[in-house]
Amino acid sequence: MSLLVYLLPLALALGAAWVAVFLWCMRKGQFDDPAGAATRILQDDPPADEIR
């Protein structure tokens, strides 16, 4: 039973830390365009002449 005294606050702290990191990622725009990054790798780069 004394182990529960340590594990319950630890679980709550880890859950709160996960929520804080998730909210931080949402504010920074990490999840704005998940499909765009997946298809961007498939697009060809323009030739070097067109870059300049």
N, C-alpha and C. Protein backbone atom coordinates (compact mmCIF):
# COMPACT_ATOMS: atom_id res chain seq x y z
N MET A 1 0.82 -1.19 0.00
CA MET A 1 0.00 0.00 0.00
C MET A 1 0.87 1.26 0.00
N SER A 2 2.04 1.19 0.62
CA SER A 2 2.89 2.37 0.66
C SER A 2 3.48 2.68 -0.72
N LEU A 3 3.55 1.66 -1.57
CA LEU A 3 4.03 1.88 -2.93
C LEU A 3 3.06 2.77 -3.72
N LEU A 4 1.80 2.65 -3.42
CA LEU A 4 0.79 3.47 -4.07
C LEU A 4 0.99 4.95 -3.78
N VAL A 5 1.51 5.26 -2.63
CA VAL A 5 1.76 6.66 -2.25
C VAL A 5 2.80 7.28 -3.19
N TYR A 6 3.72 6.48 -3.70
CA TYR A 6 4.75 6.98 -4.62
C TYR A 6 4.30 6.92 -6.08
N LEU A 7 3.59 5.86 -6.43
CA LEU A 7 3.22 5.66 -7.82
C LEU A 7 2.11 6.58 -8.30
N LEU A 8 1.16 6.89 -7.46
CA LEU A 8 0.06 7.75 -7.86
C LEU A 8 0.53 9.17 -8.20
N PRO A 9 1.31 9.84 -7.35
CA PRO A 9 1.81 11.17 -7.75
C PRO A 9 2.73 11.12 -8.96
N LEU A 10 3.51 10.04 -9.09
CA LEU A 10 4.38 9.89 -10.25
C LEU A 10 3.56 9.78 -11.53
N ALA A 11 2.50 8.99 -11.50
CA ALA A 11 1.64 8.85 -12.67
C ALA A 11 0.95 10.17 -13.01
N LEU A 12 0.50 10.89 -12.02
CA LEU A 12 -0.14 12.18 -12.26
C LEU A 12 0.85 13.20 -12.81
N ALA A 13 2.07 13.18 -12.30
CA ALA A 13 3.09 14.11 -12.80
C ALA A 13 3.47 13.79 -14.25
N LEU A 14 3.61 12.51 -14.58
CA LEU A 14 3.92 12.14 -15.96
C LEU A 14 2.78 12.49 -16.91
N GLY A 15 1.56 12.30 -16.46
CA GLY A 15 0.40 12.68 -17.28
C GLY A 15 0.34 14.18 -17.50
N ALA A 16 0.60 14.95 -16.47
CA ALA A 16 0.60 16.41 -16.60
C ALA A 16 1.74 16.88 -17.51
N ALA A 17 2.88 16.23 -17.43
CA ALA A 17 4.00 16.59 -18.30
C ALA A 17 3.66 16.28 -19.75
N TRP A 18 3.01 15.16 -20.02
CA TRP A 18 2.61 14.82 -21.38
C TRP A 18 1.64 15.84 -21.93
N VAL A 19 0.67 16.25 -21.13
CA VAL A 19 -0.31 17.25 -21.58
C VAL A 19 0.40 18.58 -21.85
N ALA A 20 1.35 18.96 -21.01
CA ALA A 20 2.08 20.21 -21.21
C ALA A 20 2.89 20.17 -22.50
N VAL A 21 3.56 19.06 -22.78
CA VAL A 21 4.34 18.94 -24.02
C VAL A 21 3.41 18.94 -25.23
N PHE A 22 2.28 18.27 -25.14
CA PHE A 22 1.33 18.25 -26.24
C PHE A 22 0.79 19.64 -26.54
N LEU A 23 0.44 20.39 -25.51
CA LEU A 23 -0.06 21.74 -25.72
C LEU A 23 1.02 22.65 -26.29
N TRP A 24 2.25 22.48 -25.84
CA TRP A 24 3.36 23.27 -26.38
C TRP A 24 3.53 22.98 -27.87
N CYS A 25 3.46 21.71 -28.25
CA CYS A 25 3.58 21.34 -29.67
C CYS A 25 2.43 21.91 -30.49
N MET A 26 1.24 21.93 -29.93
CA MET A 26 0.10 22.50 -30.64
C MET A 26 0.30 23.98 -30.88
N ARG A 27 0.80 24.70 -29.89
CA ARG A 27 1.02 26.15 -30.04
C ARG A 27 2.13 26.46 -31.03
N LYS A 28 3.12 25.59 -31.13
CA LYS A 28 4.24 25.80 -32.06
C LYS A 28 3.91 25.37 -33.48
N GLY A 29 2.74 24.78 -33.71
CA GLY A 29 2.32 24.42 -35.06
C GLY A 29 2.87 23.11 -35.56
N GLN A 30 3.19 22.19 -34.69
CA GLN A 30 3.75 20.91 -35.11
C GLN A 30 2.75 20.04 -35.86
N PHE A 31 1.46 20.26 -35.65
CA PHE A 31 0.44 19.41 -36.24
C PHE A 31 -0.41 20.15 -37.26
N ASP A 32 0.10 21.24 -37.81
CA ASP A 32 -0.70 22.04 -38.73
C ASP A 32 -0.97 21.33 -40.06
N ASP A 33 0.04 20.72 -40.65
CA ASP A 33 -0.11 20.11 -41.96
C ASP A 33 0.58 18.75 -42.02
N PRO A 34 0.02 17.72 -41.40
CA PRO A 34 0.70 16.43 -41.41
C PRO A 34 0.72 15.77 -42.79
N ALA A 35 -0.27 16.02 -43.63
CA ALA A 35 -0.29 15.40 -44.96
C ALA A 35 0.68 16.10 -45.90
N GLY A 36 0.92 17.38 -45.71
CA GLY A 36 1.82 18.12 -46.58
C GLY A 36 3.25 17.64 -46.50
N ALA A 37 3.71 17.35 -45.31
CA ALA A 37 5.08 16.87 -45.14
C ALA A 37 5.26 15.49 -45.75
N ALA A 38 4.22 14.69 -45.73
CA ALA A 38 4.32 13.34 -46.29
C ALA A 38 4.40 13.37 -47.81
N THR A 39 3.73 14.33 -48.45
CA THR A 39 3.76 14.40 -49.91
C THR A 39 4.88 15.30 -50.42
N ARG A 40 5.41 16.16 -49.60
CA ARG A 40 6.47 17.07 -50.03
C ARG A 40 7.74 16.31 -50.42
N ILE A 41 7.99 15.19 -49.78
CA ILE A 41 9.18 14.41 -50.09
C ILE A 41 9.08 13.78 -51.48
N LEU A 42 7.87 13.61 -52.00
CA LEU A 42 7.69 12.99 -53.31
C LEU A 42 7.83 13.97 -54.47
N GLN A 43 7.80 15.26 -54.20
CA GLN A 43 7.89 16.26 -55.26
C GLN A 43 9.33 16.44 -55.70
N ASP A 44 9.51 16.66 -57.01
CA ASP A 44 10.84 16.88 -57.56
C ASP A 44 11.32 18.29 -57.23
N ASP A 45 12.62 18.41 -57.02
CA ASP A 45 13.22 19.73 -56.84
C ASP A 45 13.33 20.43 -58.18
N PRO A 46 13.20 21.75 -58.20
CA PRO A 46 13.38 22.45 -59.47
C PRO A 46 14.85 22.38 -59.90
N PRO A 47 15.09 22.46 -61.20
CA PRO A 47 16.48 22.45 -61.67
C PRO A 47 17.25 23.64 -61.09
N ALA A 48 18.55 23.52 -61.06
CA ALA A 48 19.40 24.58 -60.47
C ALA A 48 19.25 25.90 -61.22
N ASP A 49 18.91 25.87 -62.50
CA ASP A 49 18.76 27.09 -63.27
C ASP A 49 17.56 27.91 -62.80
N GLU A 50 16.50 27.24 -62.36
CA GLU A 50 15.29 27.94 -61.94
C GLU A 50 15.38 28.48 -60.53
N ILE A 51 16.32 28.04 -59.75
CA ILE A 51 16.43 28.48 -58.36
C ILE A 51 16.88 29.93 -58.31
N ARG A 52 17.77 30.33 -59.19
CA ARG A 52 18.30 31.69 -59.16
C ARG A 52 17.40 32.66 -59.77
